[in-house]
Amino acid sequence: MVKAINSALDNAMEKDDSIILLGEDVGVDGGVFRVTDNLFKKYGKDRVLDTPLSELGIVGFGIGMSMAGLKAIPEIQFQDFIYTAMDQIISQMAKLRYRTNGDYTLPMVLRTPYAGGVHGGPYHSQSGEEYFATTQGLTVVTPSNPYDAKGLLLSSIELNDPVIFLEPKRLYYAGKMDIPDDYYTVDLRKAKLLHEGDELSIITYGPAVPLVMNTVKNNNINADVIDLRTINPFDVDTVLKSVQKTTRALIVTESPKMFGVSAEISATLAEKAIDYLSAPILRVAGLDIPIPFALEEYYVPSEKRMMSAVNKIMQYR
């Protein structure tokens, strides 16, 4: 995924010289996870900017650049550091089109690694996607594999509105697949059906996708597996079509259960698919506590927790 995102940035910068990268250590060092490796060398200090340690400044500069005709792609080194910039994200980035009656748009993609995978605890491993998903005016995207990572990022860059692009750090180096070197896009508005089945619909995204796929295959679960790709707006039609077929739904996310993305998906199903459901909608999610350092594997969803929910749904009468 690291190389796929790097390839997307390279393709985009080669195609459009208005694109500017900025963030802490994104230049000379190529980023803490090496996502921007070699881009400083290729495009120079005027287009790949190492910034001071100021998330508020990084996002603010990106907004100003994008208002002025550039396309800024700022990076926040860890999503956990983003909260000092929330005023800029919520009050400026998300609202510019609306507060100017469409006179200004903001073609800006704010990238950041998120979720577990490095045992970084409550300051380097949070899944905070719900903060962005509840901020209207933002498109919130998270890939689960290298192919989608590149295509979704290029689609996000083409969008004429602000995008929060969440990169699951546990998947940066977790697996490989062949992807095109050339420019291509993946539809931001369309979820992907990863596995087909008749008895259960499993809705997931981002860092939880490999867990779900492995659990389904290891236990021969007869289920649709839907990778949302985009959290807000999520592809309601694909989810509803699947649930109407299977009549059962399980939502798996790494983010906390209370007031999170899984709650919104569950509420949508309760409103729009209640006539089709033959069992309660269940959720397997992160625990409702700050993510711990040493016990990360107990915090995030596991095959055991997932199978417990699957069995409960399938045995419901």
Protein backbone atom coordinates (compact mmCIF):
# COMPACT_ATOMS: atom_id res chain seq x y z
CA MET A 1 0.00 0.00 0.00
CA VAL A 2 2.88 2.39 0.72
CA LYS A 3 4.20 2.02 -2.81
CA ALA A 4 0.71 2.24 -4.30
CA ILE A 5 0.02 5.56 -2.57
CA ASN A 6 3.47 6.81 -3.54
CA SER A 7 2.71 5.86 -7.15
CA ALA A 8 -0.61 7.73 -7.02
CA LEU A 9 1.06 10.88 -5.73
CA ASP A 10 3.77 10.59 -8.39
CA ASN A 11 1.20 10.11 -11.19
CA ALA A 12 -0.89 13.04 -9.95
CA MET A 13 2.08 15.41 -9.57
CA GLU A 14 3.39 14.50 -13.00
CA LYS A 15 -0.02 15.19 -14.54
CA ASP A 16 -0.82 18.40 -12.63
CA ASP A 17 1.91 20.82 -11.61
CA SER A 18 -0.47 22.69 -9.29
CA ILE A 19 -0.30 19.81 -6.77
CA ILE A 20 1.75 20.56 -3.64
CA LEU A 21 2.65 18.06 -0.89
CA LEU A 22 3.33 19.34 2.61
CA GLY A 23 3.79 17.90 6.06
CA GLU A 24 6.26 16.88 8.74
CA ASP A 25 9.23 15.00 7.19
CA VAL A 26 7.44 14.36 3.88
CA GLY A 27 10.33 15.86 1.90
CA VAL A 28 13.94 14.83 2.46
CA ASP A 29 13.06 11.80 4.63
CA GLY A 30 10.09 10.67 2.52
CA GLY A 31 7.69 10.52 5.46
CA VAL A 32 7.76 8.47 8.65
CA PHE A 33 6.28 5.47 6.75
CA ARG A 34 8.11 6.38 3.48
CA VAL A 35 4.89 7.13 1.62
CA THR A 36 6.43 10.19 -0.07
CA ASP A 37 9.82 8.57 -0.70
CA ASN A 38 11.81 10.09 -3.62
CA LEU A 39 9.13 12.67 -4.45
CA PHE A 40 11.24 15.48 -2.99
CA LYS A 41 14.13 14.43 -5.19
CA LYS A 42 11.91 14.29 -8.30
CA TYR A 43 9.76 17.40 -7.80
CA GLY A 44 11.89 19.63 -5.60
CA LYS A 45 11.45 21.76 -2.52
CA ASP A 46 8.84 24.03 -4.11
CA ARG A 47 6.35 21.18 -4.51
CA VAL A 48 7.23 18.86 -1.60
CA LEU A 49 7.41 20.97 1.55
CA ASP A 50 8.79 19.95 4.93
CA THR A 51 6.81 21.89 7.51
CA PRO A 52 7.26 22.81 11.17
CA LEU A 53 5.61 20.62 13.83
CA SER A 54 2.26 22.38 13.61
CA GLU A 55 -0.78 20.43 12.47
CA LEU A 56 -2.89 23.58 12.70
CA GLY A 57 -0.42 25.28 10.36
CA ILE A 58 -0.18 22.34 7.95
CA VAL A 59 -3.96 22.18 7.44
CA GLY A 60 -4.30 25.98 7.40
CA PHE A 61 -1.57 26.35 4.78
CA GLY A 62 -3.21 23.63 2.70
CA ILE A 63 -6.56 25.40 2.81
CA GLY A 64 -5.00 28.70 1.79
CA MET A 65 -3.07 27.11 -1.07
CA SER A 66 -6.14 25.32 -2.38
CA MET A 67 -8.25 28.48 -2.19
CA ALA A 68 -5.60 30.30 -4.19
CA GLY A 69 -5.62 27.85 -7.12
CA LEU A 70 -3.21 25.13 -6.07
CA LYS A 71 -4.14 21.57 -5.04
CA ALA A 72 -2.67 20.92 -1.63
CA ILE A 73 -2.20 17.39 -0.30
CA PRO A 74 -1.13 17.83 3.32
CA GLU A 75 -0.05 14.87 5.44
CA ILE A 76 -0.64 14.59 9.16
CA GLN A 77 2.05 12.20 10.39
CA PHE A 78 -0.36 10.24 12.62
CA GLN A 79 -4.12 10.76 12.73
CA ASP A 80 -3.79 11.11 16.50
CA PHE A 81 -1.98 14.43 15.97
CA ILE A 82 -4.79 15.91 13.88
CA TYR A 83 -6.94 17.21 16.72
CA THR A 84 -5.07 20.50 17.10
CA ALA A 85 -6.17 21.25 13.52
CA MET A 86 -9.84 20.38 14.01
CA ASP A 87 -10.95 24.02 13.98
CA GLN A 88 -9.44 24.45 10.52
CA ILE A 89 -10.92 21.13 9.34
CA ILE A 90 -14.43 21.68 10.71
CA SER A 91 -14.83 25.45 10.46
CA GLN A 92 -12.89 26.14 7.25
CA MET A 93 -12.09 23.04 5.20
CA ALA A 94 -15.54 21.45 5.41
CA LYS A 95 -17.56 24.65 5.10
CA LEU A 96 -15.82 26.81 2.50
CA ARG A 97 -18.10 25.86 -0.41
CA TYR A 98 -21.19 26.44 1.73
CA ARG A 99 -20.20 29.70 3.39
CA THR A 100 -19.25 31.22 0.00
CA ASN A 101 -22.38 29.96 -1.78
CA GLY A 102 -20.18 27.93 -4.10
CA ASP A 103 -17.94 30.82 -5.10
CA TYR A 104 -14.98 28.93 -3.62
CA THR A 105 -14.32 25.22 -3.73
CA LEU A 106 -11.56 23.37 -1.94
CA PRO A 107 -9.83 20.65 -4.02
CA MET A 108 -7.72 19.45 -1.09
CA VAL A 109 -6.90 15.93 0.13
CA LEU A 110 -5.77 15.61 3.74
CA ARG A 111 -3.88 12.32 4.12
CA THR A 112 -3.11 10.59 7.39
CA PRO A 113 -2.26 7.09 8.67
CA TYR A 114 -4.72 5.81 11.28
CA ALA A 115 -5.82 2.85 13.43
CA GLY A 116 -3.69 0.17 15.09
CA GLY A 117 -0.81 -1.88 13.86
CA VAL A 118 2.26 -0.41 15.57
CA HIS A 119 1.24 -0.78 19.25
CA GLY A 120 1.38 3.00 19.51
CA GLY A 121 -1.30 3.29 22.17
CA PRO A 122 -3.64 6.24 22.65
CA TYR A 123 -1.39 8.76 20.86
CA HIS A 124 -0.38 6.85 17.71
CA SER A 125 -3.04 4.18 17.07
CA GLN A 126 -6.48 5.78 17.31
CA SER A 127 -9.32 5.15 14.88
CA GLY A 128 -10.96 8.54 14.81
CA GLU A 129 -12.87 8.33 11.55
CA GLU A 130 -16.18 9.10 13.25
CA TYR A 131 -15.04 12.68 13.96
CA PHE A 132 -14.64 13.34 10.23
CA ALA A 133 -17.63 11.25 9.13
CA THR A 134 -19.97 13.40 11.24
CA THR A 135 -18.58 16.63 9.75
CA GLN A 136 -20.77 17.43 6.78
CA GLY A 137 -18.87 18.85 3.83
CA LEU A 138 -16.09 16.27 4.03
CA THR A 139 -15.71 13.10 1.98
CA VAL A 140 -14.05 10.42 4.11
CA VAL A 141 -12.20 7.64 2.29
CA THR A 142 -10.22 4.64 3.54
CA PRO A 143 -8.68 1.89 1.35
CA SER A 144 -8.13 -1.74 2.29
CA ASN A 145 -5.67 -2.86 -0.40
CA PRO A 146 -2.97 -1.42 -2.69
CA TYR A 147 -5.09 -1.30 -5.85
CA ASP A 148 -7.89 0.64 -4.17
CA ALA A 149 -5.42 2.84 -2.31
CA LYS A 150 -3.99 4.21 -5.54
CA GLY A 151 -7.26 4.47 -7.43
CA LEU A 152 -9.20 6.01 -4.55
CA LEU A 153 -6.46 8.55 -3.85
CA LEU A 154 -6.38 9.66 -7.50
CA SER A 155 -10.18 9.96 -7.49
CA SER A 156 -9.94 12.01 -4.29
CA ILE A 157 -7.40 14.33 -5.90
CA GLU A 158 -9.72 14.82 -8.89
CA LEU A 159 -12.64 15.72 -6.63
CA ASN A 160 -13.27 19.45 -6.39
CA ASP A 161 -14.11 19.24 -2.69
CA PRO A 162 -12.17 18.38 0.49
CA VAL A 163 -11.34 14.75 1.27
CA ILE A 164 -10.02 13.11 4.42
CA PHE A 165 -7.98 10.15 3.16
CA LEU A 166 -7.37 7.68 5.99
CA GLU A 167 -4.57 5.18 5.40
CA PRO A 168 -4.63 2.05 7.64
CA LYS A 169 -1.07 1.85 8.93
CA ARG A 170 -1.34 -1.88 9.69
CA LEU A 171 -1.87 -2.43 5.94
CA TYR A 172 1.00 -0.25 4.69
CA TYR A 173 3.31 -3.26 4.38
CA ALA A 174 0.87 -6.11 5.09
CA GLY A 175 0.40 -7.50 1.59
CA LYS A 176 1.29 -7.11 -2.05
CA MET A 177 -0.62 -7.12 -5.33
CA ASP A 178 0.15 -6.07 -8.87
CA ILE A 179 -1.23 -2.66 -9.78
CA PRO A 180 -0.83 -0.51 -12.89
CA ASP A 181 2.02 1.99 -12.96
CA ASP A 182 -0.19 4.32 -14.97
CA TYR A 183 -2.89 6.69 -13.78
CA TYR A 184 -6.26 5.09 -12.95
CA THR A 185 -9.18 5.88 -10.65
CA VAL A 186 -11.61 3.94 -8.43
CA ASP A 187 -15.16 5.22 -7.90
CA LEU A 188 -15.39 6.94 -4.51
CA ARG A 189 -19.15 6.38 -4.32
CA LYS A 190 -19.18 2.65 -4.94
CA ALA A 191 -18.57 -0.05 -2.33
CA LYS A 192 -16.91 -3.30 -3.44
CA LEU A 193 -18.37 -6.78 -2.99
CA LEU A 194 -15.31 -8.81 -1.99
CA HIS A 195 -17.03 -12.15 -1.35
CA GLU A 196 -20.48 -13.44 -2.28
CA GLY A 197 -22.83 -15.43 -0.08
CA ASP A 198 -26.52 -15.94 0.66
CA GLU A 199 -26.91 -16.11 4.44
CA LEU A 200 -25.20 -13.04 5.91
CA SER A 201 -24.03 -9.56 4.91
CA ILE A 202 -20.79 -8.37 6.53
CA ILE A 203 -20.14 -4.65 6.11
CA THR A 204 -16.64 -3.40 6.82
CA TYR A 205 -13.87 -1.10 5.57
CA GLY A 206 -10.20 -0.17 5.87
CA PRO A 207 -8.09 -1.95 8.48
CA ALA A 208 -10.78 -4.52 9.37
CA VAL A 209 -11.14 -5.91 5.84
CA PRO A 210 -8.30 -8.50 5.97
CA LEU A 211 -9.61 -9.83 9.30
CA VAL A 212 -13.10 -10.21 7.86
CA MET A 213 -11.90 -11.92 4.69
CA ASN A 214 -9.65 -14.33 6.59
CA THR A 215 -12.42 -15.19 9.05
CA VAL A 216 -14.92 -15.82 6.27
CA LYS A 217 -12.51 -18.08 4.39
CA ASN A 218 -11.20 -19.93 7.48
CA ASN A 219 -14.72 -20.73 8.67
CA ASN A 220 -16.49 -21.19 5.32
CA ILE A 221 -19.03 -18.48 6.13
CA ASN A 222 -21.70 -18.13 3.44
CA ALA A 223 -21.63 -14.33 3.40
CA ASP A 224 -21.47 -11.23 1.28
CA VAL A 225 -18.48 -9.15 2.36
CA ILE A 226 -18.81 -5.47 1.47
CA ASP A 227 -15.84 -3.10 1.61
CA LEU A 228 -17.35 0.38 1.87
CA ARG A 229 -14.17 2.17 0.68
CA THR A 230 -15.81 5.54 1.40
CA ILE A 231 -17.27 6.04 4.87
CA ASN A 232 -19.14 9.26 4.19
CA PRO A 233 -21.08 9.17 1.99
CA PHE A 234 -21.25 5.38 2.12
CA ASP A 235 -22.84 3.28 -0.60
CA VAL A 236 -26.24 2.65 0.96
CA ASP A 237 -27.67 1.00 -2.16
CA THR A 238 -25.06 -1.78 -2.26
CA VAL A 239 -25.49 -2.47 1.45
CA LEU A 240 -29.29 -2.56 1.23
CA LYS A 241 -29.26 -4.82 -1.84
CA SER A 242 -27.09 -7.31 0.01
CA VAL A 243 -29.13 -7.25 3.22
CA GLN A 244 -32.38 -7.70 1.29
CA LYS A 245 -30.84 -10.89 -0.16
CA THR A 246 -29.31 -12.35 3.02
CA THR A 247 -31.71 -10.89 5.66
CA ARG A 248 -28.88 -10.74 8.22
CA ALA A 249 -26.22 -8.09 8.86
CA LEU A 250 -22.94 -7.87 10.75
CA ILE A 251 -20.83 -4.70 10.84
CA VAL A 252 -17.11 -4.98 11.62
CA THR A 253 -14.97 -1.89 12.32
CA GLU A 254 -11.83 -1.14 14.27
CA SER A 255 -13.23 2.16 15.54
CA PRO A 256 -15.10 2.19 18.88
CA LYS A 257 -18.68 0.94 18.90
CA MET A 258 -20.40 3.81 20.73
CA PHE A 259 -21.47 6.72 18.48
CA GLY A 260 -19.22 5.44 15.68
CA VAL A 261 -19.46 4.56 12.00
CA SER A 262 -20.95 1.16 12.81
CA ALA A 263 -23.78 2.91 14.66
CA GLU A 264 -24.68 4.95 11.59
CA ILE A 265 -24.66 1.91 9.31
CA SER A 266 -26.78 0.01 11.82
CA ALA A 267 -29.26 2.87 12.10
CA THR A 268 -29.54 3.11 8.33
CA LEU A 269 -30.31 -0.62 8.11
CA ALA A 270 -32.87 -0.33 10.91
CA GLU A 271 -34.61 2.51 9.05
CA LYS A 272 -34.49 1.11 5.52
CA ALA A 273 -34.22 -2.68 5.79
CA ILE A 274 -36.28 -3.58 8.85
CA ASP A 275 -38.84 -5.45 6.72
CA TYR A 276 -36.12 -7.77 5.39
CA LEU A 277 -34.22 -8.57 8.58
CA SER A 278 -34.58 -12.00 10.17
CA ALA A 279 -32.08 -11.38 13.01
CA PRO A 280 -30.76 -8.40 15.01
CA ILE A 281 -28.05 -6.26 13.44
CA LEU A 282 -24.82 -6.97 15.33
CA ARG A 283 -21.55 -5.05 15.49
CA VAL A 284 -17.98 -6.12 16.22
CA ALA A 285 -15.86 -3.05 16.90
CA GLY A 286 -13.05 -1.56 18.91
CA LEU A 287 -13.63 -1.33 22.64
CA ASP A 288 -15.07 1.87 24.10
CA ILE A 289 -11.79 2.87 25.75
CA PRO A 290 -8.61 4.56 24.51
CA ILE A 291 -6.58 2.00 22.60
CA PRO A 292 -3.93 0.49 24.94
CA PHE A 293 -0.22 0.06 24.20
CA ALA A 294 0.48 -3.58 25.11
CA LEU A 295 -3.02 -5.01 24.67
CA GLU A 296 -3.85 -3.76 21.19
CA GLU A 297 -4.78 -7.25 19.97
CA TYR A 298 -7.52 -7.43 22.63
CA TYR A 299 -8.86 -4.01 21.69
CA VAL A 300 -9.29 -4.52 17.95
CA PRO A 301 -11.80 -7.00 16.48
CA SER A 302 -10.60 -10.61 16.34
CA GLU A 303 -11.70 -13.80 14.60
CA LYS A 304 -12.99 -15.12 17.92
CA ARG A 305 -15.18 -12.06 18.55
CA MET A 306 -16.35 -12.07 14.97
CA MET A 307 -17.32 -15.74 15.02
CA SER A 308 -19.22 -15.25 18.26
CA ALA A 309 -21.32 -12.58 16.54
CA VAL A 310 -21.76 -14.68 13.38
CA ASN A 311 -23.00 -17.65 15.41
CA LYS A 312 -25.38 -15.49 17.39
CA ILE A 313 -26.89 -14.06 14.22
CA MET A 314 -27.17 -17.40 12.43
CA GLN A 315 -28.70 -19.17 15.44
CA TYR A 316 -31.28 -16.46 16.11
CA ARG A 317 -34.86 -17.67 15.96
